């Protein structure tokens, strides 16, 4: 995807029950390849977010606030992307 110019990624994690973060190289490489983009993690369960924090994987993902309680099903894909971009823009400014 990155080879085709895609540098913004949305991970929906409400059904992720555990996370194994013993190797962060994958996430670090993905983060670096996304260059000027981002990786947003939506609706991950609190214990999974804690696991990500314990392994310092959370550094590579945008999480928290509105992203933790995003009603993503009500959006069409492009509208969801625009909503997340709006949230991220507010955070960066």
PDB file of N, CA and C in Angstrom:
ATOM      1  N   UNK A   1       0.817  -1.188   0.000  1.00  0.00           N
ATOM      2  CA  UNK A   1       0.000   0.000   0.000  1.00  0.00           C
ATOM      3  C   UNK A   1       0.866   1.259   0.000  1.00  0.00           C
ATOM      4  N   UNK A   2       1.922   1.222   0.778  1.00  0.00           N
ATOM      5  CA  UNK A   2       2.795   2.390   0.852  1.00  0.00           C
ATOM      6  C   UNK A   2       3.403   2.671  -0.521  1.00  0.00           C
ATOM      7  N   UNK A   3       3.727   1.624  -1.251  1.00  0.00           N
ATOM      8  CA  UNK A   3       4.250   1.781  -2.598  1.00  0.00           C
ATOM      9  C   UNK A   3       3.277   2.461  -3.543  1.00  0.00           C
ATOM     10  N   UNK A   4       1.999   2.441  -3.199  1.00  0.00           N
ATOM     11  CA  UNK A   4       0.962   3.096  -3.997  1.00  0.00           C
ATOM     12  C   UNK A   4       0.563   4.448  -3.425  1.00  0.00           C
ATOM     13  N   UNK A   5       1.363   4.968  -2.488  1.00  0.00           N
ATOM     14  CA  UNK A   5       1.111   6.302  -1.953  1.00  0.00           C
ATOM     15  C   UNK A   5       0.166   6.361  -0.764  1.00  0.00           C
ATOM     16  N   UNK A   6      -0.223   5.227  -0.233  1.00  0.00           N
ATOM     17  CA  UNK A   6      -1.104   5.220   0.941  1.00  0.00           C
ATOM     18  C   UNK A   6      -0.232   5.372   2.178  1.00  0.00           C
ATOM     19  N   UNK A   7      -0.498   6.425   2.973  1.00  0.00           N
ATOM     20  CA  UNK A   7       0.302   6.660   4.170  1.00  0.00           C
ATOM     21  C   UNK A   7      -0.545   6.973   5.402  1.00  0.00           C
ATOM     22  N   UNK A   8      -1.838   6.740   5.300  1.00  0.00           N
ATOM     23  CA  UNK A   8      -2.747   6.918   6.441  1.00  0.00           C
ATOM     24  C   UNK A   8      -3.492   5.609   6.636  1.00  0.00           C
ATOM     25  N   UNK A   9      -3.437   5.098   7.864  1.00  0.00           N
ATOM     26  CA  UNK A   9      -3.998   3.787   8.158  1.00  0.00           C
ATOM     27  C   UNK A   9      -4.927   3.879   9.362  1.00  0.00           C
ATOM     28  N   UNK A  10      -6.037   3.167   9.292  1.00  0.00           N
ATOM     29  CA  UNK A  10      -7.013   3.123  10.375  1.00  0.00           C
ATOM     30  C   UNK A  10      -7.151   1.674  10.819  1.00  0.00           C
ATOM     31  N   UNK A  11      -6.818   1.418  12.081  1.00  0.00           N
ATOM     32  CA  UNK A  11      -6.981   0.095  12.669  1.00  0.00           C
ATOM     33  C   UNK A  11      -8.179   0.134  13.604  1.00  0.00           C
ATOM     34  N   UNK A  12      -9.117  -0.756  13.408  1.00  0.00           N
ATOM     35  CA  UNK A  12     -10.293  -0.828  14.276  1.00  0.00           C
ATOM     36  C   UNK A  12     -10.094  -2.030  15.186  1.00  0.00           C
ATOM     37  N   UNK A  13      -9.974  -1.759  16.492  1.00  0.00           N
ATOM     38  CA  UNK A  13      -9.553  -2.812  17.406  1.00  0.00           C
ATOM     39  C   UNK A  13     -10.549  -3.243  18.453  1.00  0.00           C
ATOM     40  N   UNK A  14     -11.822  -2.937  18.274  1.00  0.00           N
ATOM     41  CA  UNK A  14     -12.777  -3.264  19.334  1.00  0.00           C
ATOM     42  C   UNK A  14     -12.908  -4.760  19.584  1.00  0.00           C
ATOM     43  N   UNK A  15     -12.565  -5.585  18.614  1.00  0.00           N
ATOM     44  CA  UNK A  15     -12.639  -7.034  18.803  1.00  0.00           C
ATOM     45  C   UNK A  15     -11.277  -7.680  19.017  1.00  0.00           C
ATOM     46  N   UNK A  16     -10.246  -6.869  19.192  1.00  0.00           N
ATOM     47  CA  UNK A  16      -8.921  -7.390  19.516  1.00  0.00           C
ATOM     48  C   UNK A  16      -8.897  -7.660  21.021  1.00  0.00           C
ATOM     49  N   UNK A  17      -8.644  -8.905  21.396  1.00  0.00           N
ATOM     50  CA  UNK A  17      -8.716  -9.278  22.804  1.00  0.00           C
ATOM     51  C   UNK A  17      -7.357  -9.323  23.485  1.00  0.00           C
ATOM     52  N   UNK A  18      -6.295  -9.491  22.715  1.00  0.00           N
ATOM     53  CA  UNK A  18      -4.968  -9.409  23.304  1.00  0.00           C
ATOM     54  C   UNK A  18      -3.969  -8.972  22.244  1.00  0.00           C
ATOM     55  N   UNK A  19      -2.811  -8.605  22.723  1.00  0.00           N
ATOM     56  CA  UNK A  19      -1.810  -8.034  21.844  1.00  0.00           C
ATOM     57  C   UNK A  19      -0.458  -8.582  22.263  1.00  0.00           C
ATOM     58  N   UNK A  20       0.302  -9.049  21.327  1.00  0.00           N
ATOM     59  CA  UNK A  20       1.630  -9.580  21.620  1.00  0.00           C
ATOM     60  C   UNK A  20       2.658  -8.648  20.996  1.00  0.00           C
ATOM     61  N   UNK A  21       3.275  -7.859  21.813  1.00  0.00           N
ATOM     62  CA  UNK A  21       4.179  -6.835  21.296  1.00  0.00           C
ATOM     63  C   UNK A  21       5.630  -7.096  21.570  1.00  0.00           C
ATOM     64  N   UNK A  22       6.047  -8.336  21.554  1.00  0.00           N
ATOM     65  CA  UNK A  22       7.426  -8.653  21.912  1.00  0.00           C
ATOM     66  C   UNK A  22       8.449  -8.103  20.918  1.00  0.00           C
ATOM     67  N   UNK A  23       8.018  -7.797  19.711  1.00  0.00           N
ATOM     68  CA  UNK A  23       8.947  -7.275  18.705  1.00  0.00           C
ATOM     69  C   UNK A  23       8.343  -6.024  18.079  1.00  0.00           C
ATOM     70  N   UNK A  24       8.948  -4.886  18.359  1.00  0.00           N
ATOM     71  CA  UNK A  24       8.408  -3.629  17.846  1.00  0.00           C
ATOM     72  C   UNK A  24       8.975  -3.245  16.486  1.00  0.00           C
ATOM     73  N   UNK A  25       9.885  -4.035  15.937  1.00  0.00           N
ATOM     74  CA  UNK A  25      10.520  -3.684  14.657  1.00  0.00           C
ATOM     75  C   UNK A  25       9.496  -3.520  13.539  1.00  0.00           C
ATOM     76  N   UNK A  26       8.496  -4.385  13.524  1.00  0.00           N
ATOM     77  CA  UNK A  26       7.455  -4.310  12.499  1.00  0.00           C
ATOM     78  C   UNK A  26       6.745  -2.964  12.557  1.00  0.00           C
ATOM     79  N   UNK A  27       6.345  -2.558  13.760  1.00  0.00           N
ATOM     80  CA  UNK A  27       5.605  -1.311  13.928  1.00  0.00           C
ATOM     81  C   UNK A  27       6.490  -0.103  13.657  1.00  0.00           C
ATOM     82  N   UNK A  28       7.742  -0.184  14.067  1.00  0.00           N
ATOM     83  CA  UNK A  28       8.672   0.903  13.812  1.00  0.00           C
ATOM     84  C   UNK A  28       8.880   1.101  12.314  1.00  0.00           C
ATOM     85  N   UNK A  29       9.065   0.015  11.585  1.00  0.00           N
ATOM     86  CA  UNK A  29       9.254   0.091  10.137  1.00  0.00           C
ATOM     87  C   UNK A  29       8.010   0.628   9.449  1.00  0.00           C
ATOM     88  N   UNK A  30       6.843   0.158   9.852  1.00  0.00           N
ATOM     89  CA  UNK A  30       5.580   0.622   9.278  1.00  0.00           C
ATOM     90  C   UNK A  30       5.421   2.119   9.525  1.00  0.00           C
ATOM     91  N   UNK A  31       5.695   2.535  10.747  1.00  0.00           N
ATOM     92  CA  UNK A  31       5.592   3.943  11.120  1.00  0.00           C
ATOM     93  C   UNK A  31       6.528   4.797  10.260  1.00  0.00           C
ATOM     94  N   UNK A  32       7.751   4.355  10.090  1.00  0.00           N
ATOM     95  CA  UNK A  32       8.721   5.099   9.280  1.00  0.00           C
ATOM     96  C   UNK A  32       8.325   5.119   7.810  1.00  0.00           C
ATOM     97  N   UNK A  33       7.815   4.011   7.305  1.00  0.00           N
ATOM     98  CA  UNK A  33       7.393   3.952   5.908  1.00  0.00           C
ATOM     99  C   UNK A  33       6.185   4.841   5.633  1.00  0.00           C
ATOM    100  N   UNK A  34       5.342   5.037   6.646  1.00  0.00           N
ATOM    101  CA  UNK A  34       4.162   5.892   6.476  1.00  0.00           C
ATOM    102  C   UNK A  34       4.572   7.349   6.295  1.00  0.00           C
ATOM    103  N   UNK A  35       5.826   7.652   6.547  1.00  0.00           N
ATOM    104  CA  UNK A  35       6.442   8.965   6.314  1.00  0.00           C
ATOM    105  C   UNK A  35       5.594  10.094   6.898  1.00  0.00           C
ATOM    106  N   UNK A  36       4.917  10.838   6.085  1.00  0.00           N
ATOM    107  CA  UNK A  36       4.154  11.990   6.563  1.00  0.00           C
ATOM    108  C   UNK A  36       2.715  11.630   6.901  1.00  0.00           C
ATOM    109  N   UNK A  37       2.431  10.368   6.965  1.00  0.00           N
ATOM    110  CA  UNK A  37       1.085   9.897   7.287  1.00  0.00           C
ATOM    111  C   UNK A  37       0.959   9.547   8.753  1.00  0.00           C
ATOM    112  N   UNK A  38       0.039   8.637   9.045  1.00  0.00           N
ATOM    113  CA  UNK A  38      -0.211   8.244  10.428  1.00  0.00           C
ATOM    114  C   UNK A  38      -0.892   6.891  10.465  1.00  0.00           C
ATOM    115  N   UNK A  39      -0.932   6.314  11.671  1.00  0.00           N
ATOM    116  CA  UNK A  39      -1.636   5.063  11.929  1.00  0.00           C
ATOM    117  C   UNK A  39      -2.554   5.348  13.111  1.00  0.00           C
ATOM    118  N   UNK A  40      -3.852   5.364  12.879  1.00  0.00           N
ATOM    119  CA  UNK A  40      -4.826   5.632  13.938  1.00  0.00           C
ATOM    120  C   UNK A  40      -5.408   4.314  14.428  1.00  0.00           C
ATOM    121  N   UNK A  41      -5.481   4.176  15.748  1.00  0.00           N
ATOM    122  CA  UNK A  41      -6.047   2.977  16.364  1.00  0.00           C
ATOM    123  C   UNK A  41      -7.368   3.350  17.016  1.00  0.00           C
ATOM    124  N   UNK A  42      -8.463   2.803  16.484  1.00  0.00           N
ATOM    125  CA  UNK A  42      -9.800   3.128  16.982  1.00  0.00           C
ATOM    126  C   UNK A  42     -10.346   2.029  17.876  1.00  0.00           C
ATOM    127  N   UNK A  43     -10.957   2.449  18.963  1.00  0.00           N
ATOM    128  CA  UNK A  43     -11.780   1.581  19.801  1.00  0.00           C
ATOM    129  C   UNK A  43     -11.069   0.334  20.322  1.00  0.00           C
ATOM    130  N   UNK A  44      -9.780   0.448  20.609  1.00  0.00           N
ATOM    131  CA  UNK A  44      -9.097  -0.677  21.233  1.00  0.00           C
ATOM    132  C   UNK A  44      -9.515  -0.754  22.697  1.00  0.00           C
ATOM    133  N   UNK A  45      -9.628  -1.947  23.218  1.00  0.00           N
ATOM    134  CA  UNK A  45     -10.009  -2.145  24.615  1.00  0.00           C
ATOM    135  C   UNK A  45      -8.896  -1.635  25.525  1.00  0.00           C
ATOM    136  N   UNK A  46      -9.262  -1.130  26.704  1.00  0.00           N
ATOM    137  CA  UNK A  46      -8.257  -0.551  27.613  1.00  0.00           C
ATOM    138  C   UNK A  46      -7.101  -1.495  27.937  1.00  0.00           C
ATOM    139  N   UNK A  47      -7.390  -2.781  28.149  1.00  0.00           N
ATOM    140  CA  UNK A  47      -6.289  -3.692  28.499  1.00  0.00           C
ATOM    141  C   UNK A  47      -5.341  -3.916  27.314  1.00  0.00           C
ATOM    142  N   UNK A  48      -5.855  -3.841  26.100  1.00  0.00           N
ATOM    143  CA  UNK A  48      -4.994  -3.974  24.922  1.00  0.00           C
ATOM    144  C   UNK A  48      -4.128  -2.721  24.773  1.00  0.00           C
ATOM    145  N   UNK A  49      -4.712  -1.555  25.004  1.00  0.00           N
ATOM    146  CA  UNK A  49      -3.926  -0.318  24.966  1.00  0.00           C
ATOM    147  C   UNK A  49      -2.823  -0.343  26.027  1.00  0.00           C
ATOM    148  N   UNK A  50      -3.131  -0.878  27.212  1.00  0.00           N
ATOM    149  CA  UNK A  50      -2.098  -0.990  28.257  1.00  0.00           C
ATOM    150  C   UNK A  50      -0.976  -1.918  27.810  1.00  0.00           C
ATOM    151  N   UNK A  51      -1.339  -3.032  27.165  1.00  0.00           N
ATOM    152  CA  UNK A  51      -0.308  -3.940  26.642  1.00  0.00           C
ATOM    153  C   UNK A  51       0.569  -3.221  25.626  1.00  0.00           C
ATOM    154  N   UNK A  52      -0.055  -2.435  24.758  1.00  0.00           N
ATOM    155  CA  UNK A  52       0.705  -1.678  23.761  1.00  0.00           C
ATOM    156  C   UNK A  52       1.644  -0.686  24.454  1.00  0.00           C
ATOM    157  N   UNK A  53       1.155  -0.042  25.498  1.00  0.00           N
ATOM    158  CA  UNK A  53       1.989   0.896  26.258  1.00  0.00           C
ATOM    159  C   UNK A  53       3.147   0.171  26.934  1.00  0.00           C
ATOM    160  N   UNK A  54       2.880  -1.000  27.494  1.00  0.00           N
ATOM    161  CA  UNK A  54       3.936  -1.756  28.184  1.00  0.00           C
ATOM    162  C   UNK A  54       5.095  -2.101  27.260  1.00  0.00           C
ATOM    163  N   UNK A  55       4.800  -2.313  25.989  1.00  0.00           N
ATOM    164  CA  UNK A  55       5.836  -2.641  25.015  1.00  0.00           C
ATOM    165  C   UNK A  55       6.292  -1.416  24.212  1.00  0.00           C
ATOM    166  N   UNK A  56       5.789  -0.239  24.601  1.00  0.00           N
ATOM    167  CA  UNK A  56       6.111   1.025  23.922  1.00  0.00           C
ATOM    168  C   UNK A  56       5.708   1.030  22.456  1.00  0.00           C
ATOM    169  N   UNK A  57       4.729   0.220  22.119  1.00  0.00           N
ATOM    170  CA  UNK A  57       4.212   0.178  20.755  1.00  0.00           C
ATOM    171  C   UNK A  57       3.270   1.355  20.518  1.00  0.00           C
ATOM    172  N   UNK A  58       2.696   1.873  21.576  1.00  0.00           N
ATOM    173  CA  UNK A  58       1.747   2.983  21.448  1.00  0.00           C
ATOM    174  C   UNK A  58       2.382   4.216  20.816  1.00  0.00           C
ATOM    175  N   UNK A  59       3.702   4.293  20.836  1.00  0.00           N
ATOM    176  CA  UNK A  59       4.412   5.405  20.209  1.00  0.00           C
ATOM    177  C   UNK A  59       4.073   5.517  18.722  1.00  0.00           C
ATOM    178  N   UNK A  60       3.802   4.405  18.095  1.00  0.00           N
ATOM    179  CA  UNK A  60       3.605   4.369  16.649  1.00  0.00           C
ATOM    180  C   UNK A  60       2.163   4.610  16.216  1.00  0.00           C
ATOM    181  N   UNK A  61       1.233   4.638  17.172  1.00  0.00           N
ATOM    182  CA  UNK A  61      -0.186   4.765  16.860  1.00  0.00           C
ATOM    183  C   UNK A  61      -0.773   6.020  17.491  1.00  0.00           C
ATOM    184  N   UNK A  62      -1.753   6.582  16.831  1.00  0.00           N
ATOM    185  CA  UNK A  62      -2.545   7.660  17.413  1.00  0.00           C
ATOM    186  C   UNK A  62      -3.738   7.005  18.101  1.00  0.00           C
ATOM    187  N   UNK A  63      -3.884   7.253  19.395  1.00  0.00           N
ATOM    188  CA  UNK A  63      -4.970   6.675  20.164  1.00  0.00           C
ATOM    189  C   UNK A  63      -5.503   7.726  21.131  1.00  0.00           C
ATOM    190  N   UNK A  64      -6.527   7.353  21.848  1.00  0.00           N
ATOM    191  CA  UNK A  64      -7.033   8.189  22.930  1.00  0.00           C
ATOM    192  C   UNK A  64      -8.130   9.136  22.492  1.00  0.00           C
ATOM    193  N   UNK A  65      -8.773   9.710  23.488  1.00  0.00           N
ATOM    194  CA  UNK A  65      -9.828  10.682  23.247  1.00  0.00           C
ATOM    195  C   UNK A  65     -10.919  10.137  22.353  1.00  0.00           C
ATOM    196  N   UNK A  66     -11.282  10.918  21.371  1.00  0.00           N
ATOM    197  CA  UNK A  66     -12.360  10.529  20.449  1.00  0.00           C
ATOM    198  C   UNK A  66     -12.061   9.237  19.692  1.00  0.00           C
ATOM    199  N   UNK A  67     -10.788   8.934  19.517  1.00  0.00           N
ATOM    200  CA  UNK A  67     -10.424   7.721  18.777  1.00  0.00           C
ATOM    201  C   UNK A  67     -10.750   6.459  19.564  1.00  0.00           C
ATOM    202  N   UNK A  68     -10.869   6.579  20.887  1.00  0.00           N
ATOM    203  CA  UNK A  68     -11.189   5.412  21.703  1.00  0.00           C
ATOM    204  C   UNK A  68     -12.680   5.106  21.739  1.00  0.00           C
ATOM    205  N   UNK A  69     -13.488   6.039  21.293  1.00  0.00           N
ATOM    206  CA  UNK A  69     -14.942   5.826  21.300  1.00  0.00           C
ATOM    207  C   UNK A  69     -15.559   6.299  19.986  1.00  0.00           C
ATOM    208  N   UNK A  70     -14.935   5.923  18.907  1.00  0.00           N
ATOM    209  CA  UNK A  70     -15.359   6.360  17.583  1.00  0.00           C
ATOM    210  C   UNK A  70     -16.507   5.496  17.068  1.00  0.00           C
ATOM    211  N   UNK A  71     -17.652   6.097  16.761  1.00  0.00           N
ATOM    212  CA  UNK A  71     -18.766   5.330  16.193  1.00  0.00           C
ATOM    213  C   UNK A  71     -18.557   5.125  14.683  1.00  0.00           C
ATOM    214  N   UNK A  72     -17.539   4.377  14.326  1.00  0.00           N
ATOM    215  CA  UNK A  72     -17.077   4.277  12.948  1.00  0.00           C
ATOM    216  C   UNK A  72     -18.112   3.677  12.001  1.00  0.00           C
ATOM    217  N   UNK A  73     -19.025   2.882  12.504  1.00  0.00           N
ATOM    218  CA  UNK A  73     -20.004   2.221  11.630  1.00  0.00           C
ATOM    219  C   UNK A  73     -20.972   3.200  10.961  1.00  0.00           C
ATOM    220  N   UNK A  74     -21.122   4.376  11.513  1.00  0.00           N
ATOM    221  CA  UNK A  74     -22.068   5.341  10.940  1.00  0.00           C
ATOM    222  C   UNK A  74     -21.475   6.106   9.761  1.00  0.00           C
ATOM    223  N   UNK A  75     -20.180   5.922   9.512  1.00  0.00           N
ATOM    224  CA  UNK A  75     -19.497   6.669   8.460  1.00  0.00           C
ATOM    225  C   UNK A  75     -19.235   5.813   7.227  1.00  0.00           C
ATOM    226  N   UNK A  76     -19.309   6.428   6.088  1.00  0.00           N
ATOM    227  CA  UNK A  76     -18.782   5.827   4.873  1.00  0.00           C
ATOM    228  C   UNK A  76     -17.258   5.908   4.980  1.00  0.00           C
ATOM    229  N   UNK A  77     -16.509   5.051   4.296  1.00  0.00           N
ATOM    230  CA  UNK A  77     -15.050   5.039   4.446  1.00  0.00           C
ATOM    231  C   UNK A  77     -14.375   6.406   4.273  1.00  0.00           C
ATOM    232  N   UNK A  78     -14.711   7.135   3.249  1.00  0.00           N
ATOM    233  CA  UNK A  78     -14.081   8.440   3.030  1.00  0.00           C
ATOM    234  C   UNK A  78     -14.456   9.413   4.140  1.00  0.00           C
ATOM    235  N   UNK A  79     -15.699   9.341   4.611  1.00  0.00           N
ATOM    236  CA  UNK A  79     -16.131  10.216   5.695  1.00  0.00           C
ATOM    237  C   UNK A  79     -15.405   9.881   6.998  1.00  0.00           C
ATOM    238  N   UNK A  80     -15.165   8.600   7.247  1.00  0.00           N
ATOM    239  CA  UNK A  80     -14.409   8.199   8.435  1.00  0.00           C
ATOM    240  C   UNK A  80     -12.989   8.729   8.353  1.00  0.00           C
ATOM    241  N   UNK A  81     -12.375   8.584   7.196  1.00  0.00           N
ATOM    242  CA  UNK A  81     -11.029   9.119   7.000  1.00  0.00           C
ATOM    243  C   UNK A  81     -11.014  10.620   7.268  1.00  0.00           C
ATOM    244  N   UNK A  82     -11.971  11.353   6.727  1.00  0.00           N
ATOM    245  CA  UNK A  82     -12.039  12.802   6.942  1.00  0.00           C
ATOM    246  C   UNK A  82     -12.243  13.144   8.410  1.00  0.00           C
ATOM    247  N   UNK A  83     -13.075  12.378   9.109  1.00  0.00           N
ATOM    248  CA  UNK A  83     -13.316  12.613  10.532  1.00  0.00           C
ATOM    249  C   UNK A  83     -12.030  12.414  11.331  1.00  0.00           C
ATOM    250  N   UNK A  84     -11.321  11.343  11.058  1.00  0.00           N
ATOM    251  CA  UNK A  84     -10.077  11.073  11.775  1.00  0.00           C
ATOM    252  C   UNK A  84      -9.018  12.114  11.437  1.00  0.00           C
ATOM    253  N   UNK A  85      -8.934  12.507  10.171  1.00  0.00           N
ATOM    254  CA  UNK A  85      -7.981  13.564   9.801  1.00  0.00           C
ATOM    255  C   UNK A  85      -8.288  14.850  10.549  1.00  0.00           C
ATOM    256  N   UNK A  86      -9.568  15.164  10.727  1.00  0.00           N
ATOM    257  CA  UNK A  86      -9.962  16.349  11.469  1.00  0.00           C
ATOM    258  C   UNK A  86      -9.515  16.266  12.932  1.00  0.00           C
ATOM    259  N   UNK A  87      -9.706  15.119  13.543  1.00  0.00           N
ATOM    260  CA  UNK A  87      -9.286  14.916  14.931  1.00  0.00           C
ATOM    261  C   UNK A  87      -7.773  15.067  15.057  1.00  0.00           C
ATOM    262  N   UNK A  88      -7.054  14.455  14.144  1.00  0.00           N
ATOM    263  CA  UNK A  88      -5.595  14.510  14.185  1.00  0.00           C
ATOM    264  C   UNK A  88      -5.094  15.926  13.947  1.00  0.00           C
ATOM    265  N   UNK A  89      -5.696  16.638  13.017  1.00  0.00           N
ATOM    266  CA  UNK A  89      -5.313  18.035  12.745  1.00  0.00           C
ATOM    267  C   UNK A  89      -5.489  18.898  13.982  1.00  0.00           C
ATOM    268  N   UNK A  90      -6.599  18.715  14.704  1.00  0.00           N
ATOM    269  CA  UNK A  90      -6.813  19.482  15.936  1.00  0.00           C
ATOM    270  C   UNK A  90      -5.750  19.173  16.974  1.00  0.00           C
ATOM    271  N   UNK A  91      -5.326  17.937  17.054  1.00  0.00           N
ATOM    272  CA  UNK A  91      -4.292  17.545  18.019  1.00  0.00           C
ATOM    273  C   UNK A  91      -2.949  18.172  17.690  1.00  0.00           C
ATOM    274  N   UNK A  92      -2.654  18.264  16.409  1.00  0.00           N
ATOM    275  CA  UNK A  92      -1.347  18.776  15.990  1.00  0.00           C
ATOM    276  C   UNK A  92      -1.239  20.297  16.029  1.00  0.00           C
ATOM    277  N   UNK A  93      -2.363  20.964  16.066  1.00  0.00           N
ATOM    278  CA  UNK A  93      -2.346  22.443  16.073  1.00  0.00           C
ATOM    279  C   UNK A  93      -2.432  23.004  17.452  1.00  0.00           C
TER     280      UNK A  93
END
